Protein backbone atom coordinates (compact mmCIF):
# COMPACT_ATOMS: atom_id res chain seq x y z
CA MET A 1 172.52 140.84 189.42
CA GLY A 2 169.74 141.90 191.77
CA LEU A 3 167.89 139.52 194.05
CA VAL A 4 164.68 139.83 192.03
CA SER A 5 166.52 139.07 188.77
CA LEU A 6 168.20 136.05 190.35
CA GLN A 7 164.86 134.75 191.64
CA LEU A 8 163.32 135.09 188.16
CA LEU A 9 166.32 133.33 186.63
CA VAL A 10 166.14 130.36 188.99
CA LEU A 11 162.36 130.20 188.51
CA VAL A 12 162.75 129.84 184.75
CA ALA A 13 165.67 127.43 185.20
CA ASN A 14 163.63 125.17 187.48
CA ILE A 15 160.66 125.14 185.12
CA ALA A 16 162.91 124.38 182.15
CA GLY A 17 164.67 121.60 184.06
CA ILE A 18 161.46 119.91 185.25
CA TYR A 19 159.84 120.14 181.83
CA SER A 20 163.03 118.78 180.24
CA ILE A 21 162.69 115.66 182.38
CA LEU A 22 159.13 115.43 181.08
CA ALA A 23 160.43 115.72 177.51
CA ILE A 24 162.87 112.84 178.09
CA GLY A 25 159.90 110.58 178.80
CA MET A 26 158.15 111.74 175.64
CA ASN A 27 161.29 111.08 173.62
CA MET A 28 161.34 107.50 174.88
CA HIS A 29 157.77 107.05 173.60
CA TRP A 30 157.97 108.87 170.28
CA GLY A 31 161.63 109.32 169.41
CA ASP A 32 162.74 105.79 170.30
CA THR A 33 159.61 103.67 169.92
CA GLY A 34 157.36 105.62 167.57
CA LEU A 35 154.40 105.60 169.99
CA LEU A 36 152.06 108.53 169.37
CA ASN A 37 151.36 109.24 173.05
CA PHE A 38 149.13 112.17 174.07
CA ALA A 39 148.72 111.13 177.71
CA HIS A 40 151.92 112.70 179.00
CA ALA A 41 150.20 115.46 180.95
CA GLY A 42 148.19 112.75 182.72
CA PHE A 43 151.33 110.92 183.86
CA PHE A 44 152.77 114.26 184.98
CA ALA A 45 149.59 114.89 187.01
CA ILE A 46 149.71 111.42 188.61
CA GLY A 47 153.25 112.08 189.79
CA ALA A 48 152.45 115.55 191.11
CA TYR A 49 149.28 114.61 192.99
CA THR A 50 150.65 111.33 194.33
CA SER A 51 153.65 113.05 195.85
CA ALA A 52 151.52 115.91 197.17
CA ILE A 53 148.94 113.62 198.81
CA LEU A 54 151.57 111.39 200.39
CA THR A 55 153.61 114.25 201.85
CA THR A 56 150.80 116.47 203.20
CA PRO A 57 148.28 115.85 205.97
CA ALA A 58 144.54 115.73 205.30
CA SER A 59 142.92 119.16 205.16
CA ASP A 60 139.41 120.19 206.14
CA SER A 61 139.72 123.85 205.17
CA GLY A 62 138.26 123.57 201.69
CA LEU A 63 135.35 125.76 200.68
CA LEU A 64 133.91 123.29 198.18
CA ALA A 65 135.34 119.96 199.32
CA ASN A 66 137.35 118.59 202.23
CA ARG A 67 140.35 116.41 201.45
CA ILE A 68 140.19 113.54 203.92
CA ILE A 69 143.22 111.64 202.62
CA GLY A 70 146.75 112.67 203.55
CA PHE A 71 149.73 110.81 204.96
CA ASP A 72 152.44 113.37 205.80
CA PHE A 73 155.18 110.97 204.71
CA PRO A 74 158.77 112.11 204.00
CA ILE A 75 159.30 113.75 200.62
CA VAL A 76 161.53 110.95 199.33
CA VAL A 77 158.67 108.47 199.86
CA GLY A 78 156.35 110.68 197.84
CA MET A 79 158.82 111.05 194.97
CA ILE A 80 159.58 107.33 194.71
CA THR A 81 155.91 106.35 194.92
CA ALA A 82 154.96 109.00 192.36
CA THR A 83 157.50 107.61 189.90
CA VAL A 84 156.38 104.01 190.39
CA LEU A 85 152.65 104.78 190.25
CA ALA A 86 153.00 106.85 187.07
CA GLY A 87 154.95 103.99 185.50
CA VAL A 88 152.24 101.49 186.46
CA ALA A 89 149.59 103.84 185.00
CA GLY A 90 151.64 104.00 181.80
CA VAL A 91 151.72 100.21 181.52
CA LEU A 92 147.96 99.96 182.18
CA ILE A 93 147.09 102.59 179.57
CA GLY A 94 149.62 101.08 177.19
CA ALA A 95 148.14 97.60 177.61
CA THR A 96 144.83 98.89 176.26
CA SER A 97 146.23 101.01 173.46
CA VAL A 98 149.68 100.08 172.09
CA ARG A 99 148.12 97.60 169.66
CA LEU A 100 146.61 100.63 167.93
CA ASP A 101 148.49 102.64 165.34
CA GLY A 102 148.90 106.31 164.57
CA ASP A 103 145.87 108.52 165.11
CA TYR A 104 143.94 105.83 166.99
CA LEU A 105 146.68 105.54 169.61
CA ALA A 106 146.78 109.33 169.93
CA ILE A 107 143.01 109.53 170.49
CA VAL A 108 142.97 106.78 173.12
CA THR A 109 145.92 108.21 175.07
CA LEU A 110 144.50 111.74 174.91
CA ALA A 111 141.20 110.43 176.24
CA GLY A 112 143.06 108.62 179.02
CA ALA A 113 144.83 111.82 180.08
CA GLU A 114 141.56 113.76 180.12
CA ILE A 115 139.88 111.05 182.21
CA LEU A 116 142.71 111.35 184.73
CA ARG A 117 142.45 115.14 184.82
CA LEU A 118 138.68 115.09 185.23
CA GLY A 119 139.01 112.49 187.96
CA ILE A 120 141.43 114.78 189.81
CA SER A 121 139.00 117.68 189.35
CA ASN A 122 136.03 115.79 190.76
CA GLU A 123 137.47 113.70 193.59
CA GLY A 124 137.82 116.47 196.14
CA TRP A 125 138.07 114.04 199.07
CA LEU A 126 141.40 112.87 197.64
CA THR A 127 142.84 115.76 195.59
CA SER A 128 140.96 118.89 196.79
CA GLY A 129 139.21 118.88 193.41
CA GLN A 130 139.11 122.22 191.61
CA GLN A 131 140.51 123.89 194.69
CA THR A 132 144.24 124.31 195.22
CA LEU A 133 146.05 121.48 196.96
CA LYS A 134 148.50 123.64 198.87
CA ASN A 135 151.20 123.65 201.53
CA ILE A 136 153.17 120.92 199.77
CA PRO A 137 156.52 120.63 201.60
CA ARG A 138 159.78 121.55 199.90
CA PRO A 139 162.91 119.49 200.61
CA LEU A 140 165.29 120.98 203.17
CA GLU A 141 163.50 124.34 203.11
CA GLY A 142 164.71 126.39 206.06
CA ALA A 143 167.77 124.19 206.57
CA LEU A 144 169.82 125.64 203.70
CA PRO A 145 171.98 128.80 203.73
CA SER A 146 169.84 131.89 203.12
CA MET A 147 172.50 133.73 201.11
CA LEU A 148 170.85 132.46 197.91
CA PRO A 149 167.16 132.00 197.03
CA TYR A 150 165.74 128.57 197.83
CA GLY A 151 165.00 128.07 194.14
CA PHE A 152 168.75 127.97 193.43
CA TYR A 153 169.23 124.98 195.73
CA TYR A 154 166.14 123.29 194.30
CA PHE A 155 167.57 123.76 190.82
CA LEU A 156 170.64 121.78 191.89
CA LEU A 157 168.30 118.90 192.76
CA VAL A 158 166.41 119.26 189.47
CA LEU A 159 169.69 119.41 187.54
CA ALA A 160 170.99 116.27 189.25
CA VAL A 161 167.79 114.38 188.41
CA LEU A 162 167.86 115.70 184.84
CA ILE A 163 171.44 114.56 184.29
CA ALA A 164 170.70 111.15 185.80
CA CYS A 165 167.63 110.72 183.56
CA TYR A 166 169.54 111.87 180.48
CA LEU A 167 172.41 109.45 181.07
CA THR A 168 170.06 106.56 181.88
CA PHE A 169 167.81 106.98 178.86
CA ARG A 170 170.72 107.67 176.53
CA TYR A 171 172.27 104.42 177.71
CA LEU A 172 168.99 102.57 177.15
CA ALA A 173 168.75 104.04 173.64
CA LYS A 174 172.17 102.61 172.75
CA SER A 175 171.57 99.24 174.43
CA PRO A 176 170.09 96.13 172.77
CA PHE A 177 166.77 97.12 174.36
CA GLY A 178 166.93 100.49 172.60
CA ARG A 179 167.84 98.93 169.28
CA VAL A 180 164.71 96.77 169.45
CA LEU A 181 162.64 99.90 170.17
CA HIS A 182 164.17 101.59 167.12
CA ALA A 183 163.34 98.57 165.00
CA ILE A 184 159.74 98.70 166.23
CA ARG A 185 159.59 102.37 165.33
CA GLU A 186 160.83 101.78 161.80
CA ASP A 187 159.01 98.55 160.93
CA GLU A 188 157.44 96.42 163.65
CA ASP A 189 157.22 93.39 161.38
CA VAL A 190 161.03 93.05 161.33
CA PRO A 191 161.59 92.46 165.08
CA LYS A 192 158.48 90.25 165.09
CA ALA A 193 160.03 88.12 162.36
CA LEU A 194 163.16 87.80 164.53
CA GLY A 195 161.12 86.43 167.41
CA ARG A 196 160.83 89.58 169.53
CA ASN A 197 157.68 90.15 171.56
CA THR A 198 157.09 93.72 170.40
CA MET A 199 154.08 94.14 172.70
CA GLN A 200 156.29 93.68 175.76
CA PHE A 201 158.89 96.12 174.47
CA LYS A 202 156.19 98.73 173.80
CA LEU A 203 154.79 98.31 177.30
CA LYS A 204 158.26 98.68 178.81
CA SER A 205 158.80 101.85 176.78
CA PHE A 206 155.41 103.20 177.83
CA GLY A 207 156.10 102.39 181.48
CA LEU A 208 159.58 103.93 181.52
CA GLY A 209 158.47 107.12 179.77
CA ALA A 210 155.46 107.48 182.07
CA ALA A 211 157.61 106.85 185.17
CA VAL A 212 160.02 109.67 184.33
CA ALA A 213 157.00 111.92 183.64
CA GLY A 214 155.72 111.03 187.13
CA LEU A 215 159.11 111.91 188.60
CA ALA A 216 158.95 115.27 186.85
CA GLY A 217 155.45 115.76 188.27
CA SER A 218 156.72 115.08 191.79
CA LEU A 219 159.51 117.63 191.36
CA TRP A 220 156.94 120.10 190.04
CA ALA A 221 154.65 119.62 193.05
CA HIS A 222 157.40 120.21 195.60
CA PHE A 223 158.73 123.21 193.71
CA ILE A 224 155.45 124.99 193.05
CA PHE A 225 154.03 123.81 196.46
CA ALA A 226 150.42 124.22 195.23
CA LEU A 227 148.53 122.21 192.59
CA GLN A 228 145.42 122.74 190.49
CA PRO A 229 143.98 120.51 187.74
CA THR A 230 144.33 123.37 185.22
CA MET A 231 148.11 122.82 185.29
CA PHE A 232 147.69 119.50 183.46
CA THR A 233 145.61 120.34 180.38
CA PRO A 234 146.42 118.86 176.93
CA ASP A 235 148.31 121.99 175.86
CA LEU A 236 151.12 120.86 178.20
CA THR A 237 151.45 117.62 176.23
CA PHE A 238 151.45 119.57 172.97
CA SER A 239 154.22 121.84 174.28
CA VAL A 240 156.32 118.77 175.11
CA TRP A 241 155.62 117.39 171.65
CA ALA A 242 156.78 120.67 170.09
CA ALA A 243 159.95 120.56 172.19
CA VAL A 244 160.82 117.01 171.09
CA ILE A 245 160.23 117.87 167.43
CA ILE A 246 162.22 121.11 167.63
CA GLY A 247 165.11 119.45 169.44
CA GLY A 248 165.09 116.35 167.24
CA ALA A 249 163.05 113.20 167.83
CA GLY A 250 165.28 110.43 169.13
CA SER A 251 167.89 112.80 170.58
CA TYR A 252 167.68 113.16 174.37
CA LEU A 253 169.96 116.17 174.33
CA GLY A 254 167.70 117.57 171.63
CA ALA A 255 164.63 117.02 173.80
CA ILE A 256 166.25 119.01 176.60
CA THR A 257 167.31 121.77 174.19
CA GLY A 258 163.87 121.98 172.59
CA MET A 259 162.15 122.14 175.98
CA THR A 260 164.51 124.89 177.13
CA VAL A 261 163.67 126.93 174.03
CA ILE A 262 159.93 126.44 174.53
CA THR A 263 160.18 127.34 178.23
CA LEU A 264 162.15 130.51 177.50
CA ILE A 265 159.53 131.61 174.98
CA ARG A 266 156.66 130.88 177.36
CA GLN A 267 158.21 132.31 180.52
CA VAL A 268 160.18 135.32 179.29
CA THR A 269 157.14 136.72 177.48
CA ARG A 270 155.18 136.64 180.76
CA PHE A 271 157.22 139.59 182.00
CA ILE A 272 156.27 141.85 179.10
CA PRO A 273 153.97 144.61 180.44
CA SER A 274 150.35 144.25 179.38
CA ASP A 275 150.12 147.93 178.44
CA VAL A 276 152.54 147.62 175.50
CA PRO A 277 151.02 147.23 172.00
CA LEU A 278 149.31 143.83 171.76
CA GLY A 279 150.29 143.17 175.38
CA SER A 280 146.83 141.80 176.17
CA LYS A 281 147.24 139.26 173.35
CA LEU A 282 150.47 137.77 174.69
CA PRO A 283 149.04 134.27 175.39
CA TYR A 284 148.04 133.98 171.74
CA ILE A 285 151.23 135.60 170.45
CA ARG A 286 153.22 133.12 172.52
CA LEU A 287 151.49 130.22 170.75
CA ILE A 288 152.02 131.89 167.37
CA ILE A 289 155.76 132.21 168.07
CA ILE A 290 156.05 128.56 169.08
CA GLY A 291 153.99 127.48 166.06
CA ALA A 292 156.08 129.58 163.68
CA LEU A 293 159.29 128.16 165.15
CA LEU A 294 157.93 124.64 164.74
CA VAL A 295 157.05 125.28 161.09
CA LEU A 296 160.49 126.74 160.38
CA ILE A 297 162.24 123.77 162.00
CA LEU A 298 160.12 121.26 160.08
CA TYR A 299 160.74 123.09 156.79
CA TYR A 300 164.46 123.84 157.04
CA ARG A 301 165.68 121.11 159.41
CA PRO A 302 163.08 118.35 159.71
CA GLU A 303 165.42 116.22 161.84
CA GLY A 304 165.37 118.95 164.54
CA LEU A 305 168.11 121.12 166.00
CA LEU A 306 170.19 118.22 167.34
CA GLY A 307 168.65 115.30 165.48
CA ASN A 308 170.57 113.21 163.02
CA LYS A 309 169.44 113.57 159.41
CA GLU A 310 170.26 110.00 158.41
CA ARG A 311 168.57 108.70 161.55
CA ALA A 312 165.51 110.81 160.81
CA LEU A 313 165.30 109.11 157.43
CA ALA A 314 166.30 105.57 158.35
CA GLY A 315 166.41 105.34 162.16
CA MET A 316 169.98 104.11 162.20
CA GLU A 317 171.73 106.48 164.66
CA GLU A 318 170.91 108.33 167.83
CA ASN A 319 172.39 111.00 170.09
């Protein structure tokens, strides 16, 4: 395998791994708790920008705005703070919206994510605004053996975080805490009748899912080492939704599998030359392929690739 091929492979692997961590958070919200959350891209953005701001110095080289806030802290400080702050944001948004049901919850959370993105776009003194927030440090860059691309070593970090998140959230799903979340998803009146404070459980679910989305955002910032608000538009949330549905709502392994499939479709098609027939229409064709796959999954296997059919119908089992 040539060096260029290896670099492309580790690029796709890193993107799939980071987005899979993002999908784990969405599965906590929707698959385990039944919360129709459309703010996931916002939590991802909070994690990315928090980590970037904390680990870079202030910059006065902007053409449109000068970023006057920067701390140059160690990367680990940025990642921990990004996770915590995204979780707090999830609880705050959840406190204003989890009493709502269905479409109303989706509208409020989508609006919350857009407010966050527009705030990032307009507060240039903090985020560089529409300009690129660049020169984000990468962990141990320059200190690792050069026989392999840096992306390979970064993937080991992403993989370790992904495995840790998978094991943690799978454990939570099987714990008494997770069983209460499943009961809320199926019929909230039942745990209420048993004396459970369902509002608190929803807020905990929202906070945990948002925190892991913030962690994914931090990993994204230090991998891509340059951020723009256009990376956090609602279509990212919809892609994560598609991944969870394709993999099987409620299955954390399914969420990872679905996100890997979506990432492969989105990234592999980027390398198709634009001069081939319909090459200029690839962004739209990519969406058509994902949409067609989603329709096929919903028609032939509504529980998803790795979801449990009985659980999809009654919410009684989980992967």
